[in-house]
Amino acid sequence: MERNYNEEERYRIAKKRVEEIKGFYGNLTGYIAVNITLLIINLLTSPEHLWFFYPMIGWGIGVAFHGMKVFNYMPFLGRNWEERKMKEFLEEEQKGKQNWS
């Protein structure tokens, strides 16, 4: 599906994309900083029980999904899945209207 965008639309799309990538790297930076801090706290207060893994794993799953979305890597949905699905729905709707005519 080829689209023709004017210069303003292309700029808006590029800016949105940069903001998404920037948001991901902010999330990743926070993830690393907080988990290093939690590791240090854990090792200083209760080294016999390594609890820092629990928030690290939970937040890590979220960071992984965020990265997959930002960098368009969704193996279970495929590339441009949303657009294809919308096109499919529109085609089904058009067929339904033709059947009623």
N, C-alpha and C. Protein backbone atom coordinates (compact mmCIF):
# COMPACT_ATOMS: atom_id res chain seq x y z
N MET A 1 0.85 -1.17 0.00
CA MET A 1 0.00 0.00 0.00
C MET A 1 0.90 1.23 0.00
N GLU A 2 1.00 1.88 -1.12
CA GLU A 2 1.86 3.04 -1.31
C GLU A 2 1.11 4.29 -0.87
N ARG A 3 1.77 5.13 -0.14
CA ARG A 3 1.15 6.38 0.29
C ARG A 3 2.00 7.54 -0.17
N ASN A 4 1.35 8.62 -0.54
CA ASN A 4 2.05 9.85 -0.89
C ASN A 4 1.82 10.85 0.24
N TYR A 5 2.89 11.20 0.92
CA TYR A 5 2.81 12.14 2.03
C TYR A 5 3.41 13.47 1.59
N ASN A 6 2.81 14.56 2.05
CA ASN A 6 3.43 15.85 1.79
C ASN A 6 4.55 16.05 2.81
N GLU A 7 5.30 17.10 2.63
CA GLU A 7 6.48 17.35 3.47
C GLU A 7 6.11 17.49 4.94
N GLU A 8 5.01 18.16 5.24
CA GLU A 8 4.58 18.37 6.62
C GLU A 8 4.21 17.04 7.29
N GLU A 9 3.50 16.18 6.58
CA GLU A 9 3.13 14.88 7.13
C GLU A 9 4.36 14.01 7.38
N ARG A 10 5.29 14.05 6.44
CA ARG A 10 6.53 13.27 6.61
C ARG A 10 7.32 13.76 7.82
N TYR A 11 7.37 15.07 8.01
CA TYR A 11 8.05 15.64 9.18
C TYR A 11 7.36 15.19 10.47
N ARG A 12 6.02 15.25 10.50
CA ARG A 12 5.26 14.85 11.68
C ARG A 12 5.49 13.38 12.01
N ILE A 13 5.49 12.53 11.00
CA ILE A 13 5.72 11.10 11.20
C ILE A 13 7.13 10.85 11.72
N ALA A 14 8.13 11.53 11.12
CA ALA A 14 9.52 11.36 11.56
C ALA A 14 9.70 11.84 12.99
N LYS A 15 9.07 12.97 13.33
CA LYS A 15 9.18 13.50 14.69
C LYS A 15 8.55 12.54 15.70
N LYS A 16 7.38 11.98 15.35
CA LYS A 16 6.73 11.01 16.24
C LYS A 16 7.62 9.80 16.45
N ARG A 17 8.23 9.32 15.39
CA ARG A 17 9.12 8.15 15.46
C ARG A 17 10.32 8.42 16.37
N VAL A 18 10.91 9.61 16.24
CA VAL A 18 12.04 9.99 17.09
C VAL A 18 11.61 10.05 18.55
N GLU A 19 10.41 10.59 18.82
CA GLU A 19 9.90 10.65 20.19
C GLU A 19 9.68 9.25 20.76
N GLU A 20 9.19 8.33 19.94
CA GLU A 20 8.99 6.95 20.41
C GLU A 20 10.32 6.29 20.77
N ILE A 21 11.33 6.49 19.92
CA ILE A 21 12.66 5.90 20.19
C ILE A 21 13.26 6.53 21.43
N LYS A 22 13.13 7.85 21.55
CA LYS A 22 13.64 8.55 22.73
C LYS A 22 12.96 8.04 24.00
N GLY A 23 11.65 7.82 23.93
CA GLY A 23 10.92 7.29 25.07
C GLY A 23 11.40 5.90 25.47
N PHE A 24 11.69 5.08 24.47
CA PHE A 24 12.20 3.74 24.76
C PHE A 24 13.55 3.82 25.47
N TYR A 25 14.47 4.65 24.94
CA TYR A 25 15.78 4.74 25.57
C TYR A 25 15.71 5.35 26.97
N GLY A 26 14.75 6.25 27.20
CA GLY A 26 14.53 6.76 28.56
C GLY A 26 14.07 5.65 29.49
N ASN A 27 13.15 4.82 29.01
CA ASN A 27 12.67 3.68 29.79
C ASN A 27 13.82 2.71 30.08
N LEU A 28 14.62 2.42 29.07
CA LEU A 28 15.75 1.50 29.24
C LEU A 28 16.78 2.06 30.23
N THR A 29 17.06 3.34 30.14
CA THR A 29 18.01 3.97 31.06
C THR A 29 17.50 3.90 32.49
N GLY A 30 16.22 4.21 32.69
CA GLY A 30 15.63 4.12 34.02
C GLY A 30 15.67 2.69 34.55
N TYR A 31 15.36 1.74 33.68
CA TYR A 31 15.39 0.31 34.04
C TYR A 31 16.78 -0.09 34.55
N ILE A 32 17.80 0.29 33.81
CA ILE A 32 19.17 -0.08 34.20
C ILE A 32 19.56 0.60 35.51
N ALA A 33 19.30 1.91 35.63
CA ALA A 33 19.69 2.65 36.84
C ALA A 33 18.97 2.12 38.08
N VAL A 34 17.67 1.92 37.98
CA VAL A 34 16.90 1.46 39.14
C VAL A 34 17.32 0.04 39.53
N ASN A 35 17.54 -0.82 38.55
CA ASN A 35 17.91 -2.19 38.88
C ASN A 35 19.32 -2.32 39.44
N ILE A 36 20.23 -1.47 39.01
CA ILE A 36 21.56 -1.44 39.64
C ILE A 36 21.43 -1.00 41.09
N THR A 37 20.60 0.03 41.32
CA THR A 37 20.37 0.51 42.69
C THR A 37 19.75 -0.59 43.56
N LEU A 38 18.74 -1.27 43.01
CA LEU A 38 18.10 -2.36 43.76
C LEU A 38 19.09 -3.50 44.05
N LEU A 39 19.95 -3.79 43.11
CA LEU A 39 20.97 -4.83 43.31
C LEU A 39 21.89 -4.45 44.47
N ILE A 40 22.34 -3.22 44.48
CA ILE A 40 23.23 -2.75 45.55
C ILE A 40 22.52 -2.80 46.90
N ILE A 41 21.29 -2.30 46.95
CA ILE A 41 20.52 -2.33 48.20
C ILE A 41 20.34 -3.77 48.66
N ASN A 42 19.99 -4.66 47.73
CA ASN A 42 19.78 -6.06 48.07
C ASN A 42 21.05 -6.69 48.63
N LEU A 43 22.17 -6.46 47.97
CA LEU A 43 23.43 -7.08 48.42
C LEU A 43 23.91 -6.51 49.76
N LEU A 44 23.60 -5.25 50.03
CA LEU A 44 24.01 -4.65 51.29
C LEU A 44 23.10 -5.04 52.45
N THR A 45 21.81 -5.23 52.19
CA THR A 45 20.87 -5.48 53.28
C THR A 45 20.56 -6.96 53.51
N SER A 46 20.41 -7.72 52.45
CA SER A 46 20.06 -9.14 52.63
C SER A 46 20.64 -9.98 51.49
N PRO A 47 21.96 -10.16 51.49
CA PRO A 47 22.61 -10.90 50.40
C PRO A 47 22.21 -12.37 50.33
N GLU A 48 21.66 -12.90 51.43
CA GLU A 48 21.26 -14.32 51.43
C GLU A 48 19.99 -14.56 50.62
N HIS A 49 19.21 -13.51 50.39
CA HIS A 49 17.98 -13.63 49.59
C HIS A 49 18.03 -12.59 48.47
N LEU A 50 18.17 -13.05 47.24
CA LEU A 50 18.30 -12.14 46.10
C LEU A 50 16.91 -11.80 45.54
N TRP A 51 16.28 -10.79 46.13
CA TRP A 51 14.93 -10.38 45.74
C TRP A 51 14.92 -9.40 44.57
N PHE A 52 16.07 -8.80 44.26
CA PHE A 52 16.09 -7.78 43.21
C PHE A 52 15.70 -8.35 41.84
N PHE A 53 15.79 -9.68 41.69
CA PHE A 53 15.43 -10.30 40.42
C PHE A 53 13.95 -10.11 40.08
N TYR A 54 13.08 -10.08 41.08
CA TYR A 54 11.64 -10.00 40.82
C TYR A 54 11.24 -8.72 40.09
N PRO A 55 11.60 -7.53 40.60
CA PRO A 55 11.24 -6.32 39.83
C PRO A 55 12.01 -6.24 38.50
N MET A 56 13.23 -6.77 38.49
CA MET A 56 14.03 -6.73 37.28
C MET A 56 13.35 -7.53 36.16
N ILE A 57 12.84 -8.70 36.48
CA ILE A 57 12.18 -9.55 35.48
C ILE A 57 10.87 -8.91 35.02
N GLY A 58 10.06 -8.46 35.97
CA GLY A 58 8.78 -7.85 35.61
C GLY A 58 8.94 -6.63 34.72
N TRP A 59 9.77 -5.70 35.14
CA TRP A 59 9.99 -4.48 34.38
C TRP A 59 10.70 -4.81 33.07
N GLY A 60 11.59 -5.80 33.10
CA GLY A 60 12.33 -6.20 31.90
C GLY A 60 11.40 -6.70 30.80
N ILE A 61 10.36 -7.41 31.18
CA ILE A 61 9.38 -7.87 30.18
C ILE A 61 8.71 -6.66 29.54
N GLY A 62 8.36 -5.69 30.36
CA GLY A 62 7.75 -4.47 29.83
C GLY A 62 8.69 -3.72 28.91
N VAL A 63 9.96 -3.60 29.28
CA VAL A 63 10.95 -2.92 28.43
C VAL A 63 11.12 -3.67 27.11
N ALA A 64 11.14 -4.99 27.17
CA ALA A 64 11.28 -5.79 25.95
C ALA A 64 10.11 -5.55 24.99
N PHE A 65 8.88 -5.55 25.52
CA PHE A 65 7.72 -5.30 24.66
C PHE A 65 7.73 -3.88 24.12
N HIS A 66 8.15 -2.94 24.94
CA HIS A 66 8.24 -1.55 24.50
C HIS A 66 9.23 -1.45 23.33
N GLY A 67 10.39 -2.07 23.47
CA GLY A 67 11.39 -2.06 22.40
C GLY A 67 10.89 -2.73 21.13
N MET A 68 10.18 -3.84 21.29
CA MET A 68 9.65 -4.54 20.13
C MET A 68 8.64 -3.66 19.38
N LYS A 69 7.84 -2.93 20.12
CA LYS A 69 6.85 -2.05 19.49
C LYS A 69 7.54 -0.89 18.79
N VAL A 70 8.48 -0.25 19.47
CA VAL A 70 9.16 0.92 18.91
C VAL A 70 9.95 0.57 17.66
N PHE A 71 10.62 -0.57 17.67
CA PHE A 71 11.46 -0.95 16.54
C PHE A 71 10.76 -1.89 15.56
N ASN A 72 9.43 -1.93 15.63
CA ASN A 72 8.60 -2.71 14.70
C ASN A 72 9.03 -4.17 14.59
N TYR A 73 9.27 -4.78 15.72
CA TYR A 73 9.60 -6.21 15.72
C TYR A 73 8.57 -6.92 16.56
N MET A 74 7.52 -7.36 15.92
CA MET A 74 6.47 -8.11 16.58
C MET A 74 6.32 -9.44 15.86
N PRO A 75 7.12 -10.43 16.24
CA PRO A 75 7.10 -11.69 15.49
C PRO A 75 5.75 -12.39 15.51
N PHE A 76 4.96 -12.20 16.56
CA PHE A 76 3.69 -12.89 16.65
C PHE A 76 2.58 -12.14 15.92
N LEU A 77 2.80 -10.91 15.55
CA LEU A 77 1.80 -10.17 14.79
C LEU A 77 2.31 -9.83 13.39
N GLY A 78 3.58 -9.83 13.20
CA GLY A 78 4.15 -9.52 11.90
C GLY A 78 4.21 -8.03 11.64
N ARG A 79 4.92 -7.71 10.60
CA ARG A 79 5.12 -6.31 10.23
C ARG A 79 3.83 -5.74 9.62
N ASN A 80 3.49 -4.55 10.02
CA ASN A 80 2.31 -3.85 9.51
C ASN A 80 1.01 -4.63 9.73
N TRP A 81 0.95 -5.41 10.78
CA TRP A 81 -0.22 -6.23 11.06
C TRP A 81 -1.48 -5.39 11.19
N GLU A 82 -1.38 -4.30 11.92
CA GLU A 82 -2.54 -3.46 12.15
C GLU A 82 -3.12 -2.94 10.84
N GLU A 83 -2.25 -2.46 9.99
CA GLU A 83 -2.69 -1.91 8.70
C GLU A 83 -3.36 -2.99 7.85
N ARG A 84 -2.78 -4.17 7.79
CA ARG A 84 -3.37 -5.27 7.02
C ARG A 84 -4.73 -5.66 7.57
N LYS A 85 -4.83 -5.71 8.90
CA LYS A 85 -6.08 -6.10 9.54
C LYS A 85 -7.17 -5.07 9.25
N MET A 86 -6.83 -3.79 9.31
CA MET A 86 -7.81 -2.75 9.02
C MET A 86 -8.28 -2.85 7.56
N LYS A 87 -7.34 -3.10 6.65
CA LYS A 87 -7.70 -3.26 5.24
C LYS A 87 -8.64 -4.44 5.06
N GLU A 88 -8.36 -5.53 5.76
CA GLU A 88 -9.21 -6.73 5.70
C GLU A 88 -10.63 -6.40 6.18
N PHE A 89 -10.75 -5.69 7.30
CA PHE A 89 -12.06 -5.32 7.83
C PHE A 89 -12.81 -4.42 6.86
N LEU A 90 -12.11 -3.46 6.26
CA LEU A 90 -12.74 -2.55 5.31
C LEU A 90 -13.24 -3.31 4.09
N GLU A 91 -12.45 -4.27 3.61
CA GLU A 91 -12.87 -5.08 2.46
C GLU A 91 -14.09 -5.92 2.81
N GLU A 92 -14.12 -6.50 4.01
CA GLU A 92 -15.27 -7.28 4.45
C GLU A 92 -16.52 -6.41 4.52
N GLU A 93 -16.36 -5.20 5.04
CA GLU A 93 -17.49 -4.28 5.14
C GLU A 93 -18.01 -3.92 3.75
N GLN A 94 -17.09 -3.68 2.82
CA GLN A 94 -17.47 -3.34 1.44
C GLN A 94 -18.23 -4.49 0.80
N LYS A 95 -17.76 -5.73 1.01
CA LYS A 95 -18.46 -6.90 0.48
C LYS A 95 -19.86 -7.02 1.06
N GLY A 96 -19.99 -6.75 2.36
CA GLY A 96 -21.29 -6.80 3.00
C GLY A 96 -22.26 -5.79 2.43
N LYS A 97 -21.78 -4.60 2.12
CA LYS A 97 -22.63 -3.57 1.52
C LYS A 97 -23.06 -3.97 0.12
N GLN A 98 -22.16 -4.63 -0.62
CA GLN A 98 -22.48 -5.05 -1.98
C GLN A 98 -23.54 -6.14 -1.97
N ASN A 99 -23.50 -7.00 -0.97
CA ASN A 99 -24.48 -8.09 -0.88
C ASN A 99 -25.88 -7.56 -0.59
N TRP A 100 -26.00 -6.42 0.06
CA TRP A 100 -27.30 -5.85 0.40
C TRP A 100 -27.85 -5.01 -0.75
N SER A 101 -27.04 -4.69 -1.73
CA SER A 101 -27.49 -3.82 -2.84
C SER A 101 -28.34 -4.57 -3.84
